[in-house]
Protein backbone atom coordinates (compact mmCIF):
# COMPACT_ATOMS: atom_id res chain seq x y z
CA UNK A 1 313.69 -154.57 226.42
CA UNK A 2 310.10 -156.08 225.70
CA UNK A 3 309.80 -159.32 226.69
CA UNK A 4 309.88 -161.99 223.73
CA UNK A 5 306.44 -163.73 222.50
CA UNK A 6 306.80 -167.02 221.65
CA UNK A 7 303.83 -166.34 219.28
CA UNK A 8 306.18 -163.76 216.99
CA UNK A 9 308.61 -166.74 216.72
CA UNK A 10 308.07 -167.02 213.02
CA UNK A 11 307.96 -162.65 212.32
CA UNK A 12 311.36 -162.68 214.03
CA UNK A 13 312.82 -165.22 212.29
CA UNK A 14 311.77 -163.43 208.94
CA UNK A 15 312.83 -159.73 210.58
CA UNK A 16 316.32 -161.26 211.33
CA UNK A 17 316.62 -162.70 208.04
CA UNK A 18 316.09 -159.47 206.14
CA UNK A 19 318.47 -157.53 209.02
CA UNK A 20 321.45 -160.26 208.14
CA UNK A 21 320.85 -160.15 204.28
CA UNK A 22 320.55 -156.13 204.38
CA UNK A 23 322.40 -155.34 207.49
CA UNK A 24 326.08 -155.16 206.14
CA UNK A 25 325.45 -154.55 202.14
CA UNK A 26 325.55 -150.85 202.20
CA UNK A 27 322.01 -150.43 202.50
CA UNK A 28 321.75 -148.75 205.67
CA UNK A 29 323.82 -145.96 206.38
CA UNK A 30 325.80 -147.22 209.40
CA UNK A 31 329.04 -145.32 210.55
CA UNK A 32 328.57 -142.52 208.26
CA UNK A 33 329.20 -144.85 205.47
CA UNK A 34 325.90 -146.26 203.82
CA UNK A 35 324.70 -143.00 201.86
CA UNK A 36 327.60 -143.06 200.15
CA UNK A 37 329.21 -139.89 201.81
CA UNK A 38 328.05 -136.59 199.55
CA UNK A 39 324.23 -136.25 199.72
CA UNK A 40 324.31 -134.69 196.09
CA UNK A 41 324.87 -138.82 195.42
CA UNK A 42 321.01 -139.02 195.82
CA UNK A 43 320.50 -137.01 192.65
CA UNK A 44 322.88 -139.06 190.46
CA UNK A 45 320.73 -142.48 191.08
CA UNK A 46 319.04 -142.73 187.81
CA UNK A 47 315.58 -145.50 187.93
CA UNK A 48 318.29 -147.82 185.56
CA UNK A 49 320.91 -147.48 188.24
CA UNK A 50 319.49 -149.07 191.46
CA UNK A 51 321.71 -151.60 192.70
CA UNK A 52 320.02 -154.95 193.02
CA UNK A 53 320.83 -155.45 196.72
CA UNK A 54 318.14 -152.60 196.71
CA UNK A 55 315.67 -154.06 194.58
CA UNK A 56 316.30 -157.26 196.67
CA UNK A 57 315.27 -155.11 199.84
CA UNK A 58 312.03 -154.05 197.95
CA UNK A 59 311.37 -157.84 197.24
CA UNK A 60 311.69 -158.82 200.77
CA UNK A 61 309.73 -156.24 202.42
CA UNK A 62 306.62 -157.20 200.01
CA UNK A 63 306.82 -160.92 200.62
CA UNK A 64 306.92 -159.95 204.34
CA UNK A 65 303.28 -158.21 203.72
CA UNK A 66 301.31 -155.35 203.95
CA UNK A 67 303.27 -153.52 207.31
CA UNK A 68 306.64 -153.86 205.45
CA UNK A 69 305.55 -152.33 202.67
CA UNK A 70 304.40 -149.38 204.52
CA UNK A 71 307.45 -149.49 206.52
CA UNK A 72 309.66 -149.41 203.37
CA UNK A 73 307.68 -147.05 201.28
CA UNK A 74 308.44 -144.38 205.31
CA UNK A 75 311.88 -145.66 204.93
CA UNK A 76 312.28 -144.03 201.11
CA UNK A 77 311.39 -140.80 202.74
CA UNK A 78 314.98 -141.03 205.48
CA UNK A 79 318.38 -140.66 203.01
CA UNK A 80 319.61 -140.27 206.59
CA UNK A 81 318.88 -144.05 207.34
CA UNK A 82 319.54 -146.08 203.59
CA UNK A 83 322.02 -145.04 200.99
CA UNK A 84 320.74 -143.58 197.77
CA UNK A 85 319.73 -146.60 195.73
CA UNK A 86 317.71 -147.98 198.52
CA UNK A 87 315.68 -145.00 199.01
CA UNK A 88 314.62 -144.95 195.60
CA UNK A 89 313.87 -148.87 195.16
CA UNK A 90 311.68 -148.38 198.46
CA UNK A 91 309.89 -145.67 196.80
CA UNK A 92 308.81 -147.45 193.90
CA UNK A 93 307.24 -150.18 196.28
CA UNK A 94 303.70 -151.06 194.73
CA UNK A 95 300.73 -151.51 197.27
CA UNK A 96 298.58 -153.17 194.48
CA UNK A 97 297.76 -156.58 195.61
CA UNK A 98 295.21 -158.88 194.75
CA UNK A 99 291.13 -157.60 195.56
CA UNK A 100 289.28 -159.49 198.07
CA UNK A 101 285.77 -160.65 197.25
CA UNK A 102 282.97 -158.18 196.53
CA UNK A 103 280.97 -160.61 198.77
CA UNK A 104 283.88 -159.17 201.88
CA UNK A 105 282.82 -156.05 200.74
CA UNK A 106 279.31 -156.22 200.90
CA UNK A 107 279.34 -157.94 204.38
CA UNK A 108 281.61 -155.26 205.88
CA UNK A 109 279.26 -152.49 204.58
CA UNK A 110 276.30 -154.20 206.07
CA UNK A 111 277.99 -154.68 209.67
CA UNK A 112 279.25 -151.29 209.61
CA UNK A 113 276.41 -149.56 208.21
CA UNK A 114 273.79 -151.33 209.84
CA UNK A 115 272.08 -151.60 206.51
CA UNK A 116 272.75 -153.94 203.40
CA UNK A 117 274.74 -152.15 200.49
CA UNK A 118 271.61 -152.60 198.28
CA UNK A 119 269.77 -150.64 200.89
CA UNK A 120 272.53 -148.13 200.88
CA UNK A 121 273.78 -147.63 197.86
CA UNK A 122 271.85 -147.14 194.21
CA UNK A 123 274.91 -148.44 192.36
CA UNK A 124 278.07 -150.45 193.47
CA UNK A 125 280.69 -151.73 190.89
CA UNK A 126 281.57 -154.92 191.65
CA UNK A 127 285.47 -154.53 190.16
CA UNK A 128 287.32 -152.23 192.51
CA UNK A 129 288.86 -148.88 190.86
CA UNK A 130 291.88 -150.11 193.08
CA UNK A 131 293.24 -152.46 195.64
CA UNK A 132 295.46 -151.53 198.29
CA UNK A 133 297.16 -153.79 200.69
CA UNK A 134 295.23 -151.96 203.33
CA UNK A 135 291.61 -151.93 201.61
CA UNK A 136 290.18 -151.10 198.13
CA UNK A 137 288.33 -148.75 196.63
CA UNK A 138 284.51 -149.18 194.48
CA UNK A 139 282.45 -146.77 192.23
CA UNK A 140 279.12 -146.14 193.37
CA UNK A 141 276.23 -143.89 193.66
CA UNK A 142 274.32 -142.91 196.41
CA UNK A 143 269.87 -142.95 196.15
CA UNK A 144 269.95 -139.14 195.97
CA UNK A 145 272.13 -139.87 192.72
CA UNK A 146 275.35 -138.81 194.15
CA UNK A 147 278.33 -140.34 192.28
CA UNK A 148 280.92 -141.55 195.13
CA UNK A 149 283.51 -143.99 195.91
CA UNK A 150 283.34 -146.68 198.55
CA UNK A 151 286.41 -147.31 200.38
CA UNK A 152 286.63 -150.55 202.29
CA UNK A 153 289.52 -151.78 204.62
CA UNK A 154 290.93 -155.55 203.55
CA UNK A 155 289.47 -157.94 206.59
CA UNK A 156 291.53 -159.17 209.32
CA UNK A 157 293.94 -156.23 208.28
CA UNK A 158 294.31 -154.52 211.09
CA UNK A 159 295.01 -157.32 213.79
CA UNK A 160 298.00 -158.31 211.39
CA UNK A 161 299.48 -155.01 211.22
CA UNK A 162 299.14 -154.73 215.05
CA UNK A 163 300.79 -158.02 215.54
CA UNK A 164 303.51 -157.21 213.42
CA UNK A 165 303.79 -153.72 215.28
CA UNK A 166 304.20 -155.35 218.52
CA UNK A 167 306.98 -157.77 216.87
CA UNK A 168 308.98 -154.87 215.30
CA UNK A 169 308.80 -152.80 218.49
CA UNK A 170 310.48 -155.67 220.44
CA UNK A 171 313.31 -156.28 217.72
CA UNK A 172 313.58 -152.52 217.61
CA UNK A 173 313.95 -152.10 221.22
CA UNK A 174 316.80 -154.75 221.11
CA UNK A 175 318.51 -153.08 218.50
CA UNK A 176 318.30 -149.92 219.87
CA UNK A 177 319.96 -151.10 223.11
CA UNK A 178 322.61 -153.49 221.99
CA UNK A 179 324.13 -151.85 218.54
CA UNK A 180 325.73 -148.60 217.48
CA UNK A 181 323.53 -148.31 214.52
CA UNK A 182 320.44 -148.30 217.26
CA UNK A 183 321.92 -145.86 219.44
CA UNK A 184 322.55 -143.23 216.68
CA UNK A 185 319.23 -143.56 215.01
CA UNK A 186 316.99 -144.36 217.18
CA UNK A 187 314.83 -147.31 215.62
CA UNK A 188 312.06 -147.29 218.64
CA UNK A 189 311.46 -143.59 218.00
CA UNK A 190 311.04 -144.15 214.21
CA UNK A 191 308.94 -147.36 214.78
CA UNK A 192 306.42 -145.26 216.99
CA UNK A 193 305.80 -142.76 214.41
CA UNK A 194 305.16 -145.57 211.84
CA UNK A 195 302.60 -147.04 214.10
CA UNK A 196 300.99 -143.63 214.92
CA UNK A 197 300.99 -143.16 210.84
CA UNK A 198 299.76 -146.69 210.31
CA UNK A 199 296.69 -146.55 212.89
CA UNK A 200 295.66 -143.31 211.44
CA UNK A 201 295.91 -144.65 207.93
CA UNK A 202 293.40 -147.46 209.32
CA UNK A 203 290.94 -145.33 210.37
CA UNK A 204 288.99 -144.13 207.95
CA UNK A 205 287.05 -141.60 210.21
CA UNK A 206 290.72 -139.76 210.34
CA UNK A 207 290.89 -140.04 206.90
CA UNK A 208 287.33 -138.24 206.60
CA UNK A 209 288.29 -135.62 209.05
CA UNK A 210 291.61 -134.78 206.70
CA UNK A 211 289.13 -134.40 204.02
CA UNK A 212 287.25 -131.98 205.56
CA UNK A 213 290.21 -130.01 207.64
CA UNK A 214 292.14 -129.82 203.89
CA UNK A 215 288.88 -128.85 201.96
CA UNK A 216 288.33 -125.96 204.17
CA UNK A 217 292.30 -124.89 204.18
CA UNK A 218 292.00 -124.65 200.24
CA UNK A 219 288.35 -123.48 200.08
CA UNK A 220 289.62 -120.10 198.63
CA UNK A 221 291.61 -122.05 195.72
CA UNK A 222 289.17 -122.39 193.13
CA UNK A 223 291.24 -124.59 190.55
CA UNK A 224 291.92 -126.89 193.41
CA UNK A 225 289.37 -129.60 195.11
CA UNK A 226 289.52 -131.83 197.53
CA UNK A 227 286.60 -134.80 197.73
CA UNK A 228 284.29 -134.41 200.62
CA UNK A 229 283.06 -137.44 202.82
CA UNK A 230 279.71 -138.37 203.41
CA UNK A 231 279.50 -138.61 207.27
CA UNK A 232 276.41 -140.91 207.42
CA UNK A 233 277.76 -143.58 205.51
CA UNK A 234 281.45 -143.55 207.28
CA UNK A 235 282.86 -145.31 209.79
CA UNK A 236 286.20 -146.48 211.09
CA UNK A 237 286.34 -149.11 208.76
CA UNK A 238 284.07 -147.62 205.57
CA UNK A 239 284.65 -144.32 204.15
CA UNK A 240 282.18 -142.89 201.66
CA UNK A 241 283.20 -139.60 199.54
CA UNK A 242 282.36 -137.68 196.31
CA UNK A 243 283.75 -139.06 193.48
CA UNK A 244 285.81 -136.74 191.14
CA UNK A 245 286.32 -137.85 187.57
CA UNK A 246 289.69 -137.23 186.53
CA UNK A 247 293.24 -138.27 184.77
CA UNK A 248 296.15 -138.74 187.02
CA UNK A 249 298.84 -136.39 186.24
CA UNK A 250 300.91 -139.10 184.93
CA UNK A 251 298.42 -140.38 182.71
CA UNK A 252 298.96 -136.45 180.78
CA UNK A 253 300.97 -136.44 177.90
CA UNK A 254 302.95 -133.23 176.44
CA UNK A 255 300.47 -132.76 173.75
CA UNK A 256 297.45 -132.80 176.86
CA UNK A 257 299.35 -130.49 179.03
CA UNK A 258 300.08 -127.98 176.16
CA UNK A 259 296.08 -128.16 175.48
CA UNK A 260 294.74 -127.66 178.86
CA UNK A 261 297.53 -125.08 180.00
CA UNK A 262 297.95 -126.58 183.00
CA UNK A 263 300.54 -123.99 184.42
CA UNK A 264 298.49 -121.99 186.50
CA UNK A 265 297.81 -125.31 188.49
CA UNK A 266 301.46 -125.94 189.45
CA UNK A 267 301.49 -122.22 190.74
CA UNK A 268 298.05 -123.07 192.61
CA UNK A 269 299.11 -126.10 193.71
CA UNK A 270 302.72 -125.00 195.15
CA UNK A 271 301.07 -122.11 196.81
CA UNK A 272 299.12 -123.90 198.69
CA UNK A 273 301.13 -126.24 199.89
CA UNK A 274 303.48 -123.67 201.37
CA UNK A 275 300.47 -123.23 202.83
CA UNK A 276 299.82 -126.09 204.38
CA UNK A 277 302.78 -126.70 205.67
CA UNK A 278 304.12 -122.96 207.05
CA UNK A 279 300.65 -121.47 207.79
CA UNK A 280 298.62 -124.30 208.81
CA UNK A 281 301.08 -126.69 210.02
CA UNK A 282 298.96 -129.32 208.62
CA UNK A 283 299.68 -130.81 204.77
CA UNK A 284 298.95 -133.72 202.61
CA UNK A 285 302.18 -135.89 203.14
CA UNK A 286 301.70 -137.97 200.11
CA UNK A 287 301.06 -135.92 196.84
CA UNK A 288 302.94 -138.10 194.28
CA UNK A 289 301.77 -137.66 191.32
CA UNK A 290 299.24 -140.79 191.65
CA UNK A 291 297.27 -138.83 194.05
CA UNK A 292 296.95 -135.83 192.23
CA UNK A 293 294.01 -136.02 189.37
CA UNK A 294 293.43 -133.35 186.65
CA UNK A 295 289.90 -133.16 185.95
CA UNK A 296 287.46 -132.39 182.71
CA UNK A 297 287.30 -128.57 183.63
CA UNK A 298 290.80 -128.22 183.90
CA UNK A 299 290.65 -128.26 188.42
CA UNK A 300 293.30 -130.25 190.20
CA UNK A 301 291.95 -132.49 193.04
CA UNK A 302 294.21 -133.91 195.88
CA UNK A 303 293.24 -137.45 196.66
CA UNK A 304 293.75 -140.64 199.49
CA UNK A 305 294.60 -137.96 202.56
CA UNK A 306 294.99 -141.14 204.60
CA UNK A 307 299.22 -140.04 205.42
CA UNK A 308 299.00 -136.43 206.50
CA UNK A 309 301.55 -134.80 209.02
CA UNK A 310 301.55 -131.98 211.34
CA UNK A 311 304.61 -129.10 211.93
CA UNK A 312 304.59 -127.65 215.34
CA UNK A 313 304.55 -123.54 215.15
CA UNK A 314 308.31 -123.66 216.59
CA UNK A 315 309.49 -125.58 213.18
CA UNK A 316 307.18 -123.96 211.16
CA UNK A 317 308.92 -121.12 211.72
CA UNK A 318 312.47 -122.42 211.50
CA UNK A 319 311.23 -124.32 207.84
CA UNK A 320 310.25 -120.64 206.57
CA UNK A 321 313.96 -119.56 207.36
CA UNK A 322 315.01 -123.18 205.65
CA UNK A 323 313.41 -122.92 202.48
CA UNK A 324 313.94 -119.05 202.07
CA UNK A 325 317.87 -119.54 202.57
CA UNK A 326 317.61 -122.27 200.26
CA UNK A 327 315.73 -120.68 197.51
CA UNK A 328 318.43 -117.56 198.07
CA UNK A 329 321.49 -119.75 197.90
CA UNK A 330 322.57 -119.24 201.32
CA UNK A 331 324.40 -122.37 203.04
CA UNK A 332 324.92 -120.54 205.97
CA UNK A 333 321.30 -120.02 206.81
CA UNK A 334 320.39 -122.91 205.66
CA UNK A 335 322.92 -124.97 207.70
CA UNK A 336 322.16 -122.87 210.66
CA UNK A 337 318.36 -123.99 210.83
CA UNK A 338 318.71 -127.33 210.00
CA UNK A 339 321.31 -127.53 213.62
CA UNK A 340 318.28 -125.24 215.17
CA UNK A 341 316.19 -128.28 214.18
CA UNK A 342 317.86 -131.03 214.75
CA UNK A 343 319.34 -132.80 217.82
CA UNK A 344 322.74 -133.47 218.40
CA UNK A 345 324.20 -136.70 219.05
CA UNK A 346 327.70 -137.26 220.91
CA UNK A 347 329.58 -137.53 217.68
CA UNK A 348 328.09 -134.74 216.18
CA UNK A 349 330.45 -133.30 213.62
CA UNK A 350 329.27 -129.68 213.18
CA UNK A 351 332.30 -128.55 211.27
CA UNK A 352 331.44 -131.45 208.31
CA UNK A 353 327.19 -130.38 208.34
CA UNK A 354 328.13 -126.63 207.70
CA UNK A 355 330.66 -127.18 204.74
CA UNK A 356 328.36 -129.50 203.12
CA UNK A 357 325.13 -128.16 203.28
CA UNK A 358 327.04 -125.10 202.06
CA UNK A 359 328.32 -126.93 199.30
CA UNK A 360 325.18 -128.55 198.53
CA UNK A 361 322.84 -125.09 198.56
CA UNK A 362 325.80 -123.63 196.67
CA UNK A 363 325.54 -126.23 193.80
CA UNK A 364 321.29 -126.13 193.49
CA UNK A 365 321.97 -122.75 193.33
CA UNK A 366 323.90 -122.40 190.49
CA UNK A 367 321.45 -124.51 188.71
CA UNK A 368 319.25 -123.61 186.01
CA UNK A 369 315.82 -122.44 188.10
CA UNK A 370 313.81 -124.97 186.45
CA UNK A 371 316.39 -127.86 187.78
CA UNK A 372 316.17 -126.59 191.35
CA UNK A 373 313.85 -128.57 193.60
CA UNK A 374 313.51 -127.75 197.16
CA UNK A 375 312.41 -131.19 198.26
CA UNK A 376 315.54 -132.51 197.12
CA UNK A 377 317.26 -130.11 198.76
CA UNK A 378 315.51 -130.96 201.69
CA UNK A 379 316.25 -134.85 201.87
CA UNK A 380 319.77 -134.41 200.99
CA UNK A 381 320.52 -132.35 204.18
CA UNK A 382 318.45 -135.04 206.42
CA UNK A 383 321.32 -137.14 204.84
CA UNK A 384 324.09 -135.18 205.60
CA UNK A 385 322.59 -134.83 208.98
CA UNK A 386 322.68 -138.26 209.72
CA UNK A 387 326.31 -138.64 208.00
CA UNK A 388 327.41 -136.13 210.59
CA UNK A 389 325.65 -137.25 214.26
CA UNK A 390 322.63 -134.84 213.86
CA UNK A 391 319.27 -136.18 213.80
CA UNK A 392 316.66 -134.47 212.22
CA UNK A 393 312.85 -133.87 213.28
CA UNK A 394 310.63 -137.01 211.57
CA UNK A 395 308.33 -133.96 209.85
CA UNK A 396 311.59 -132.60 208.37
CA UNK A 397 311.84 -136.00 206.49
CA UNK A 398 307.98 -135.82 205.54
CA UNK A 399 308.18 -132.61 204.45
CA UNK A 400 311.47 -133.11 202.11
CA UNK A 401 309.68 -136.16 200.91
CA UNK A 402 306.57 -134.22 200.06
CA UNK A 403 308.29 -131.22 198.18
CA UNK A 404 309.90 -133.85 196.17
CA UNK A 405 306.75 -135.46 195.22
CA UNK A 406 305.40 -132.05 194.35
CA UNK A 407 308.39 -131.03 192.25
CA UNK A 408 308.03 -133.48 189.97
CA UNK A 409 304.01 -133.04 189.85
CA UNK A 410 304.82 -129.54 189.11
CA UNK A 411 306.90 -129.87 186.67
CA UNK A 412 304.67 -132.13 185.14
CA UNK A 413 302.77 -129.48 185.04
CA UNK A 414 304.61 -127.17 183.78
CA UNK A 415 308.21 -128.19 182.67
CA UNK A 416 309.63 -124.47 182.87
CA UNK A 417 308.21 -124.54 186.77
CA UNK A 418 310.68 -123.42 189.14
CA UNK A 419 310.20 -124.20 192.83
CA UNK A 420 312.77 -121.79 194.12
CA UNK A 421 310.83 -118.65 192.48
CA UNK A 422 307.67 -119.77 193.59
CA UNK A 423 309.06 -119.79 197.26
CA UNK A 424 310.05 -116.04 196.71
CA UNK A 425 306.73 -115.33 194.88
CA UNK A 426 304.47 -116.44 197.74
CA UNK A 427 306.72 -115.30 200.68
CA UNK A 428 305.71 -112.56 201.70
CA UNK A 429 301.74 -113.92 202.09
CA UNK A 430 303.54 -116.68 204.08
CA UNK A 431 304.96 -113.99 206.25
CA UNK A 432 301.57 -112.19 206.71
CA UNK A 433 299.49 -114.99 207.22
CA UNK A 434 301.98 -116.09 210.17
CA UNK A 435 302.48 -112.81 211.54
CA UNK A 436 298.43 -112.60 211.86
CA UNK A 437 298.53 -115.55 214.00
CA UNK A 438 301.14 -114.56 216.00
CA UNK A 439 299.19 -111.24 216.48
CA UNK A 440 296.29 -113.05 217.66
CA UNK A 441 298.71 -115.31 220.08
CA UNK A 442 300.24 -112.18 221.45
CA UNK A 443 296.56 -110.54 221.94
CA UNK A 444 295.72 -113.45 224.45
CA UNK A 445 298.66 -113.29 225.80
CA UNK A 446 297.91 -109.39 226.51
CA UNK A 447 294.46 -110.59 228.05
CA UNK A 448 295.73 -113.10 230.05
CA UNK A 449 298.75 -110.03 230.91
CA UNK A 450 295.55 -107.95 231.65
CA UNK A 451 293.83 -110.59 233.95
CA UNK A 452 296.76 -111.03 235.78
CA UNK A 453 296.89 -107.07 236.67
CA UNK A 454 293.46 -106.58 237.80
CA UNK A 455 294.06 -109.51 240.40
CA UNK A 456 297.61 -108.31 241.35
CA UNK A 457 296.38 -105.34 244.09
CA UNK A 458 294.42 -108.38 245.96
CA UNK A 459 297.17 -110.88 245.85
CA UNK A 460 299.38 -108.28 247.35
CA UNK A 461 297.00 -107.45 249.82
CA UNK A 462 296.79 -111.29 250.97
CA UNK A 463 300.38 -111.56 250.93
CA UNK A 464 300.90 -108.21 253.35
CA UNK A 465 298.19 -109.41 255.48
CA UNK A 466 299.74 -112.66 255.92
CA UNK A 467 303.16 -111.20 256.36
CA UNK A 468 301.62 -108.95 258.99
CA UNK A 469 299.52 -111.79 260.83
CA UNK A 470 302.26 -114.39 260.75
CA UNK A 471 300.82 -116.57 258.83
CA UNK A 472 303.48 -116.61 255.95
CA UNK A 473 304.53 -120.20 254.69
CA UNK A 474 306.79 -121.28 252.40
CA UNK A 475 305.82 -124.91 251.67
CA UNK A 476 309.14 -125.92 249.94
CA UNK A 477 311.60 -127.89 251.33
CA UNK A 478 315.36 -126.27 251.18
CA UNK A 479 318.17 -126.91 253.93
CA UNK A 480 319.97 -124.26 255.62
CA UNK A 481 317.90 -121.19 255.30
CA UNK A 482 318.15 -118.03 256.59
CA UNK A 483 314.56 -116.93 258.24
CA UNK A 484 315.83 -113.30 258.76
CA UNK A 485 316.90 -113.24 255.39
CA UNK A 486 314.16 -114.38 253.87
CA UNK A 487 311.59 -112.43 255.84
CA UNK A 488 313.72 -109.02 255.08
CA UNK A 489 313.68 -110.03 251.38
CA UNK A 490 309.91 -110.23 251.68
CA UNK A 491 309.31 -107.14 254.10
CA UNK A 492 311.72 -105.57 250.90
CA UNK A 493 309.44 -106.84 248.29
CA UNK A 494 306.64 -105.59 249.83
CA UNK A 495 307.95 -102.05 250.41
CA UNK A 496 309.01 -101.46 246.53
CA UNK A 497 305.12 -103.46 245.75
CA UNK A 498 303.92 -100.46 248.09
CA UNK A 499 306.09 -97.78 246.66
CA UNK A 500 305.03 -98.76 243.56
CA UNK A 501 301.01 -98.68 244.16
CA UNK A 502 302.20 -95.14 245.85
CA UNK A 503 303.81 -94.01 242.78
CA UNK A 504 300.92 -95.10 240.24
CA UNK A 505 298.28 -93.09 242.34
CA UNK A 506 300.40 -90.25 241.89
CA UNK A 507 300.22 -90.32 238.63
CA UNK A 508 296.90 -91.15 238.58
CA UNK A 509 296.10 -88.67 240.40
CA UNK A 510 297.93 -85.78 238.66
CA UNK A 511 296.39 -86.65 235.64
CA UNK A 512 292.91 -86.47 236.60
CA UNK A 513 293.85 -82.99 238.18
CA UNK A 514 295.26 -82.05 234.84
CA UNK A 515 291.61 -81.07 233.80
CA UNK A 516 291.07 -78.61 236.76
CA UNK A 517 290.99 -74.79 236.06
CA UNK A 518 293.38 -74.11 239.02
CA UNK A 519 294.50 -70.03 239.53
CA UNK A 520 297.88 -71.47 240.83
CA UNK A 521 299.32 -72.83 237.77
CA UNK A 522 302.91 -74.15 236.39
CA UNK A 523 303.78 -73.66 232.54
CA UNK A 524 300.23 -73.32 232.11
CA UNK A 525 299.00 -76.52 234.17
CA UNK A 526 297.42 -77.13 237.20
CA UNK A 527 300.20 -76.37 240.31
CA UNK A 528 298.93 -79.51 242.62
CA UNK A 529 299.11 -81.98 238.93
CA UNK A 530 302.45 -80.60 237.98
CA UNK A 531 303.73 -81.55 241.88
CA UNK A 532 302.41 -84.86 241.87
CA UNK A 533 303.66 -85.46 238.30
CA UNK A 534 307.47 -83.91 239.95
CA UNK A 535 306.91 -86.26 242.97
CA UNK A 536 306.15 -89.52 240.93
CA UNK A 537 308.83 -88.83 238.86
CA UNK A 538 311.47 -88.07 242.04
CA UNK A 539 309.85 -91.30 243.87
CA UNK A 540 310.39 -93.44 240.40
CA UNK A 541 313.88 -92.39 240.40
CA UNK A 542 314.52 -93.14 244.02
CA UNK A 543 312.92 -96.54 243.69
CA UNK A 544 315.04 -97.53 240.80
CA UNK A 545 318.19 -96.12 242.59
CA UNK A 546 317.69 -98.27 244.92
CA UNK A 547 316.80 -101.25 243.71
CA UNK A 548 320.28 -101.16 241.72
CA UNK A 549 321.71 -100.54 244.86
CA UNK A 550 320.38 -103.38 246.05
CA UNK A 551 321.08 -105.81 243.17
CA UNK A 552 324.87 -104.87 243.09
CA UNK A 553 324.89 -105.08 247.08
CA UNK A 554 323.85 -108.78 246.76
CA UNK A 555 325.87 -109.60 243.54
CA UNK A 556 328.95 -108.54 245.64
CA UNK A 557 327.84 -110.68 248.68
CA UNK A 558 327.58 -113.82 246.67
CA UNK A 559 331.08 -113.33 244.97
CA UNK A 560 332.18 -112.72 248.19
CA UNK A 561 330.51 -116.19 249.70
CA UNK A 562 331.99 -118.15 246.58
């Protein structure tokens, strides 16, 4: 465990107070009980039914400050750790705080950009558009007339976050070493994931890179736009990017949805996210309705890319199969993919996991297509996994949360939108794109194999020279080695390689002789070429036969030695 730091004593007390108050109140999914025992319960908890204890936990985290607000938002994506009502309460944690002064904004801009705000911007509103725990956003205009927004980090916030993370990491290490919950869920690993995400969010250069990457990915989507950063006026704590005027999806009423015909936007948005997740392996992890704007020219704008997630290639293949299984109502396949993605703990109850996943997918598949939420199913699967002793990868929880938010945005744009149908419609294109990526990998492997084959004759010659000159050394420390047997094995290897090269030469020579017109012919082909082919075929069969016989003798000898 990390050593206890005296300067964090006050923070330890605050954290301990929250843990003691909520640790046994049914908040944590301890011993498979906290989550309610049925994954579907999370869907049945309405906003007005969130328990008071859950609201109290959210309030306690808000009192502890920005780091803990962000931690609560991360925990809201983990139904395998928290009971149903608690995930909903934490998902509603507000990140709106009192703005810091415009004088601080000007000072930060001057220090970071090396010029005063008046020199850089023709206009910069004194009143922020939004103020969050990590920073705030001001509307402005560059000297060339380009409308922008300027995101400025809250002074001193990085140091505060680092101190809070240090205290949390020591508490997490203690819980992992001394509690069953820690050993089951791995709080230190969860905190490391949280730390990486939060540190990335505090580096605005990363957010600028995320904006560029997502903009390139969605370049072919005419109805989806991502604001471009202004590199010359962007640093680690100041981010300048294009200003996109629009209304949040949450602000659109039913009449506006009908007048603007937003149904095609829902389809494009869902397709774009499927491509991000399952092809690119890089996606906007927080597409909640407040981060999606509808522009005046009826396009969708994705903003606030501080939180992104990356999906490894191997996990992408599993996710494709999982989403297809959910869309097709194949619970057995969904359970199989869930097990393949997760890490089995000692008490993993596989039979229960399979049974509950089959029931979950079956129930959702019989619902009306418009009511099926792929994100909700993925989130509930992580809850079932936690109850049954299967630790799901953190990317799966982020994916579930992103899809859940995406479902909500899509249904606001088009009340009749069906995520399950959308997955089926676009899966062909997704698989073809992944196939093209796999082909590129295969071609790379072929080139590597080509290089290996080209160098093989020289390496074999070097090996033969070393063996014949007595310079062959095996630099491995092994007890009880039979040198004679090792040398015999090397000789057999050399003989087989040599025989293979001779056979290859015969085949190449025969192929070349096929072009020579000779009087002696067999079956209408030059006799010498046919003889070479027959000799190569005979030699090949003899070589294969000797290999089979030798392998059988070796297996028999090994069985006798045992």
